[in-house]
C-alpha atoms as a PDB file:
ATOM      1  CA  MET A   1     -23.250  -2.154   8.229  1.00  0.00           C
ATOM      2  CA  SER A   2     -23.667  -5.635   8.955  1.00  0.00           C
ATOM      3  CA  GLU A   3     -23.094  -8.616   6.340  1.00  0.00           C
ATOM      4  CA  ALA A   4     -26.841  -9.360   6.104  1.00  0.00           C
ATOM      5  CA  THR A   5     -27.866  -5.604   5.217  1.00  0.00           C
ATOM      6  CA  ASP A   6     -24.820  -4.824   2.953  1.00  0.00           C
ATOM      7  CA  PRO A   7     -26.300  -4.718  -0.494  1.00  0.00           C
ATOM      8  CA  GLN A   8     -23.071  -5.848  -2.245  1.00  0.00           C
ATOM      9  CA  ARG A   9     -23.032  -8.964  -0.159  1.00  0.00           C
ATOM     10  CA  GLU A  10     -26.559 -10.026  -0.766  1.00  0.00           C
ATOM     11  CA  ASN A  11     -26.070  -9.176  -4.745  1.00  0.00           C
ATOM     12  CA  PRO A  12     -23.460 -11.393  -6.195  1.00  0.00           C
ATOM     13  CA  HIS A  13     -24.158  -9.757  -9.579  1.00  0.00           C
ATOM     14  CA  ALA A  14     -23.016  -6.170  -8.058  1.00  0.00           C
ATOM     15  CA  VAL A  15     -20.198  -7.401  -6.413  1.00  0.00           C
ATOM     16  CA  THR A  16     -19.250  -9.203  -9.857  1.00  0.00           C
ATOM     17  CA  VAL A  17     -19.663  -6.041 -11.739  1.00  0.00           C
ATOM     18  CA  ARG A  18     -17.818  -3.811  -9.564  1.00  0.00           C
ATOM     19  CA  ARG A  19     -15.060  -6.137  -9.222  1.00  0.00           C
ATOM     20  CA  LEU A  20     -14.813  -6.204 -13.161  1.00  0.00           C
ATOM     21  CA  ALA A  21     -14.847  -2.492 -13.301  1.00  0.00           C
ATOM     22  CA  SER A  22     -12.346  -2.067 -10.822  1.00  0.00           C
ATOM     23  CA  ALA A  23     -10.147  -4.448 -13.063  1.00  0.00           C
ATOM     24  CA  MET A  24     -10.911  -2.667 -16.045  1.00  0.00           C
ATOM     25  CA  LEU A  25      -9.733   0.661 -14.537  1.00  0.00           C
ATOM     26  CA  ARG A  26      -6.504  -0.670 -13.363  1.00  0.00           C
ATOM     27  CA  THR A  27      -5.734  -2.167 -16.803  1.00  0.00           C
ATOM     28  CA  ALA A  28      -6.787   0.566 -18.859  1.00  0.00           C
ATOM     29  CA  ILE A  29      -5.465   3.667 -17.136  1.00  0.00           C
ATOM     30  CA  TRP A  30      -1.608   3.529 -18.117  1.00  0.00           C
ATOM     31  CA  PRO A  31      -2.237   2.256 -21.711  1.00  0.00           C
ATOM     32  CA  GLY A  32      -4.699   5.454 -22.132  1.00  0.00           C
ATOM     33  CA  VAL A  33      -2.202   7.889 -20.370  1.00  0.00           C
ATOM     34  CA  ALA A  34       0.555   6.391 -22.881  1.00  0.00           C
ATOM     35  CA  THR A  35      -1.551   6.759 -25.795  1.00  0.00           C
ATOM     36  CA  VAL A  36      -2.179  10.316 -24.901  1.00  0.00           C
ATOM     37  CA  VAL A  37       1.660  11.051 -24.246  1.00  0.00           C
ATOM     38  CA  VAL A  38       2.254   9.474 -27.620  1.00  0.00           C
ATOM     39  CA  GLY A  39      -0.435  11.591 -29.352  1.00  0.00           C
ATOM     40  CA  ALA A  40       0.715  14.773 -27.894  1.00  0.00           C
ATOM     41  CA  VAL A  41       4.410  14.109 -29.014  1.00  0.00           C
ATOM     42  CA  VAL A  42       3.456  13.203 -32.486  1.00  0.00           C
ATOM     43  CA  ALA A  43       0.932  16.085 -33.003  1.00  0.00           C
ATOM     44  CA  THR A  44       3.465  18.249 -31.256  1.00  0.00           C
ATOM     45  CA  ALA A  45       6.229  17.328 -33.659  1.00  0.00           C
ATOM     46  CA  LEU A  46       3.974  17.518 -36.740  1.00  0.00           C
ATOM     47  CA  VAL A  47       1.830  20.396 -36.045  1.00  0.00           C
ATOM     48  CA  GLY A  48       3.385  22.335 -33.242  1.00  0.00           C
ATOM     49  CA  VAL A  49       1.565  24.058 -30.381  1.00  0.00           C
ATOM     50  CA  PRO A  50      -2.075  23.705 -31.817  1.00  0.00           C
ATOM     51  CA  GLY A  51      -1.356  20.040 -32.467  1.00  0.00           C
ATOM     52  CA  LEU A  52      -0.075  19.466 -28.635  1.00  0.00           C
ATOM     53  CA  VAL A  53      -3.241  21.434 -27.552  1.00  0.00           C
ATOM     54  CA  GLY A  54      -5.532  19.262 -29.647  1.00  0.00           C
ATOM     55  CA  ALA A  55      -4.056  15.884 -28.684  1.00  0.00           C
ATOM     56  CA  VAL A  56      -4.246  16.897 -25.053  1.00  0.00           C
ATOM     57  CA  VAL A  57      -7.921  17.924 -25.176  1.00  0.00           C
ATOM     58  CA  GLY A  58      -8.672  15.037 -27.067  1.00  0.00           C
ATOM     59  CA  GLY A  59      -7.196  12.827 -24.716  1.00  0.00           C
ATOM     60  CA  ALA A  60      -8.810  14.464 -21.771  1.00  0.00           C
ATOM     61  CA  VAL A  61     -12.121  13.937 -23.342  1.00  0.00           C
ATOM     62  CA  ALA A  62     -11.631  10.410 -24.158  1.00  0.00           C
ATOM     63  CA  PHE A  63     -10.271   9.707 -20.852  1.00  0.00           C
ATOM     64  CA  ALA A  64     -13.512  11.527 -19.394  1.00  0.00           C
ATOM     65  CA  SER A  65     -16.140   9.292 -21.609  1.00  0.00           C
ATOM     66  CA  SER A  66     -13.697   6.095 -20.687  1.00  0.00           C
ATOM     67  CA  LEU A  67     -14.136   7.101 -16.830  1.00  0.00           C
ATOM     68  CA  LEU A  68     -18.035   7.517 -17.467  1.00  0.00           C
ATOM     69  CA  THR A  69     -18.111   3.991 -18.805  1.00  0.00           C
ATOM     70  CA  ILE A  70     -16.570   2.538 -15.656  1.00  0.00           C
ATOM     71  CA  TRP A  71     -18.651   4.843 -13.461  1.00  0.00           C
ATOM     72  CA  LEU A  72     -21.652   3.672 -15.173  1.00  0.00           C
ATOM     73  CA  MET A  73     -20.826  -0.038 -14.261  1.00  0.00           C
ATOM     74  CA  ARG A  74     -20.287   0.531 -10.824  1.00  0.00           C
ATOM     75  CA  PHE A  75     -23.576   2.748 -10.615  1.00  0.00           C
ATOM     76  CA  THR A  76     -25.529   0.268 -12.253  1.00  0.00           C
ATOM     77  CA  GLY A  77     -24.024  -3.023 -11.277  1.00  0.00           C
ATOM     78  CA  GLY A  78     -26.475  -3.679  -8.441  1.00  0.00           C
ATOM     79  CA  MET A  79     -29.433  -3.256 -10.623  1.00  0.00           C
ATOM     80  CA  SER A  80     -31.516  -5.376 -12.644  1.00  0.00           C
ATOM     81  CA  PRO A  81     -29.591  -6.823 -15.495  1.00  0.00           C
ATOM     82  CA  HIS A  82     -31.845  -5.711 -18.115  1.00  0.00           C
ATOM     83  CA  PHE A  83     -31.732  -2.191 -16.552  1.00  0.00           C
ATOM     84  CA  VAL A  84     -27.885  -2.446 -16.964  1.00  0.00           C
ATOM     85  CA  MET A  85     -28.201  -3.518 -20.416  1.00  0.00           C
ATOM     86  CA  VAL A  86     -30.559  -0.216 -20.981  1.00  0.00           C
ATOM     87  CA  ALA A  87     -28.078   2.046 -19.014  1.00  0.00           C
ATOM     88  CA  ALA A  88     -25.146   0.564 -21.029  1.00  0.00           C
ATOM     89  CA  LEU A  89     -26.695   1.268 -24.315  1.00  0.00           C
ATOM     90  CA  GLY A  90     -27.855   4.543 -23.177  1.00  0.00           C
ATOM     91  CA  GLY A  91     -24.574   5.133 -22.183  1.00  0.00           C
ATOM     92  CA  TYR A  92     -22.657   4.420 -25.345  1.00  0.00           C
ATOM     93  CA  VAL A  93     -25.240   6.551 -27.180  1.00  0.00           C
ATOM     94  CA  GLY A  94     -24.697   9.446 -24.830  1.00  0.00           C
ATOM     95  CA  LYS A  95     -20.907   9.238 -25.034  1.00  0.00           C
ATOM     96  CA  MET A  96     -20.938   9.045 -28.856  1.00  0.00           C
ATOM     97  CA  LEU A  97     -23.336  12.404 -28.956  1.00  0.00           C
ATOM     98  CA  VAL A  98     -20.931  13.957 -26.342  1.00  0.00           C
ATOM     99  CA  LEU A  99     -17.805  13.097 -28.380  1.00  0.00           C
ATOM    100  CA  LEU A 100     -19.599  14.260 -31.641  1.00  0.00           C
ATOM    101  CA  VAL A 101     -20.685  17.749 -29.912  1.00  0.00           C
ATOM    102  CA  VAL A 102     -17.095  18.142 -28.702  1.00  0.00           C
ATOM    103  CA  MET A 103     -15.745  17.617 -32.083  1.00  0.00           C
ATOM    104  CA  THR A 104     -18.042  19.780 -33.665  1.00  0.00           C
ATOM    105  CA  LEU A 105     -17.758  22.622 -30.947  1.00  0.00           C
ATOM    106  CA  LEU A 106     -14.074  22.543 -31.089  1.00  0.00           C
ATOM    107  CA  GLY A 107     -13.438  22.143 -34.709  1.00  0.00           C
ATOM    108  CA  GLY A 108     -13.594  25.575 -35.350  1.00  0.00           C
ATOM    109  CA  VAL A 109     -11.251  26.719 -32.602  1.00  0.00           C
ATOM    110  CA  GLU A 110      -7.854  27.829 -34.306  1.00  0.00           C
ATOM    111  CA  ALA A 111      -5.915  27.273 -31.182  1.00  0.00           C
ATOM    112  CA  ILE A 112      -6.468  23.746 -31.668  1.00  0.00           C
ATOM    113  CA  HIS A 113      -5.603  21.272 -34.249  1.00  0.00           C
ATOM    114  CA  ARG A 114      -8.805  19.557 -35.130  1.00  0.00           C
ATOM    115  CA  GLU A 115      -7.081  16.026 -36.488  1.00  0.00           C
ATOM    116  CA  SER A 116      -4.816  15.784 -33.789  1.00  0.00           C
ATOM    117  CA  LEU A 117      -7.942  16.258 -31.393  1.00  0.00           C
ATOM    118  CA  ALA A 118      -9.875  13.666 -33.511  1.00  0.00           C
ATOM    119  CA  PHE A 119      -6.989  11.063 -34.081  1.00  0.00           C
ATOM    120  CA  THR A 120      -5.811  11.177 -30.140  1.00  0.00           C
ATOM    121  CA  MET A 121      -9.226  10.921 -28.939  1.00  0.00           C
ATOM    122  CA  LEU A 122      -9.838   7.918 -31.292  1.00  0.00           C
ATOM    123  CA  ALA A 123      -6.802   6.211 -30.172  1.00  0.00           C
ATOM    124  CA  THR A 124      -7.449   6.716 -26.706  1.00  0.00           C
ATOM    125  CA  VAL A 125     -10.861   5.414 -27.017  1.00  0.00           C
ATOM    126  CA  MET A 126      -9.513   2.361 -28.646  1.00  0.00           C
ATOM    127  CA  VAL A 127      -6.696   1.461 -26.876  1.00  0.00           C
ATOM    128  CA  TRP A 128      -9.063   1.873 -23.614  1.00  0.00           C
ATOM    129  CA  ALA A 129     -11.540  -0.657 -25.102  1.00  0.00           C
ATOM    130  CA  GLY A 130      -8.715  -2.736 -25.841  1.00  0.00           C
ATOM    131  CA  ALA A 131      -7.734  -2.667 -22.268  1.00  0.00           C
ATOM    132  CA  GLU A 132     -10.945  -3.256 -21.143  1.00  0.00           C
ATOM    133  CA  VAL A 133     -11.609  -6.613 -23.018  1.00  0.00           C
ATOM    134  CA  VAL A 134      -8.092  -7.771 -21.668  1.00  0.00           C
ATOM    135  CA  ALA A 135      -9.292  -7.047 -18.220  1.00  0.00           C
ATOM    136  CA  PHE A 136     -12.298  -8.901 -18.656  1.00  0.00           C
ATOM    137  CA  LYS A 137     -10.662 -11.769 -19.939  1.00  0.00           C
ATOM    138  CA  ARG A 138      -8.040 -11.761 -17.388  1.00  0.00           C
ATOM    139  CA  THR A 139     -10.259 -11.622 -14.368  1.00  0.00           C
ATOM    140  CA  LYS A 140     -11.799 -15.083 -14.697  1.00  0.00           C
ATOM    141  CA  ILE A 141     -15.383 -13.823 -13.823  1.00  0.00           C
ATOM    142  CA  PRO A 142     -17.986 -15.751 -15.202  1.00  0.00           C
ATOM    143  CA  THR A 143     -20.266 -13.967 -17.133  1.00  0.00           C
ATOM    144  CA  ILE A 144     -23.566 -15.802 -15.799  1.00  0.00           C
ATOM    145  CA  VAL A 145     -23.547 -15.555 -11.972  1.00  0.00           C
ATOM    146  CA  PRO A 146     -25.449 -18.551 -10.188  1.00  0.00           C
ATOM    147  CA  GLY A 147     -28.057 -17.358  -7.957  1.00  0.00           C
ATOM    148  CA  SER A 148     -28.384 -13.922  -9.119  1.00  0.00           C
END
């Protein structure tokens, strides 16, 4: 594909958003893994096997929802900034609904400790979001891209 027809080269906003998404993923992945591991160890020590299962499931769901945010950034990066905002808000609402449904459906499963699932999920989402903020600050990407 030539440089003239490459949509990423033509749209500086898309290049910026995708670069930011990559930086966020690189910065958030290991703190997210560490949070799930700590949650699993603490839950296992306090509750036993149901705590371990709850923490691992909560961490996996939190990871999936956080990765969905990165995917959404990459997918909508080249679109109109207005549509990107709609997608971001819709993605946020959708993510919260999915997390609520997961908590509701898995709350009655006896093999899963509900609080371990909830606290690990919450901690992982919070750590991931914090790491995304750190990545945003470190990338030195302008929030307003001239010429877009």
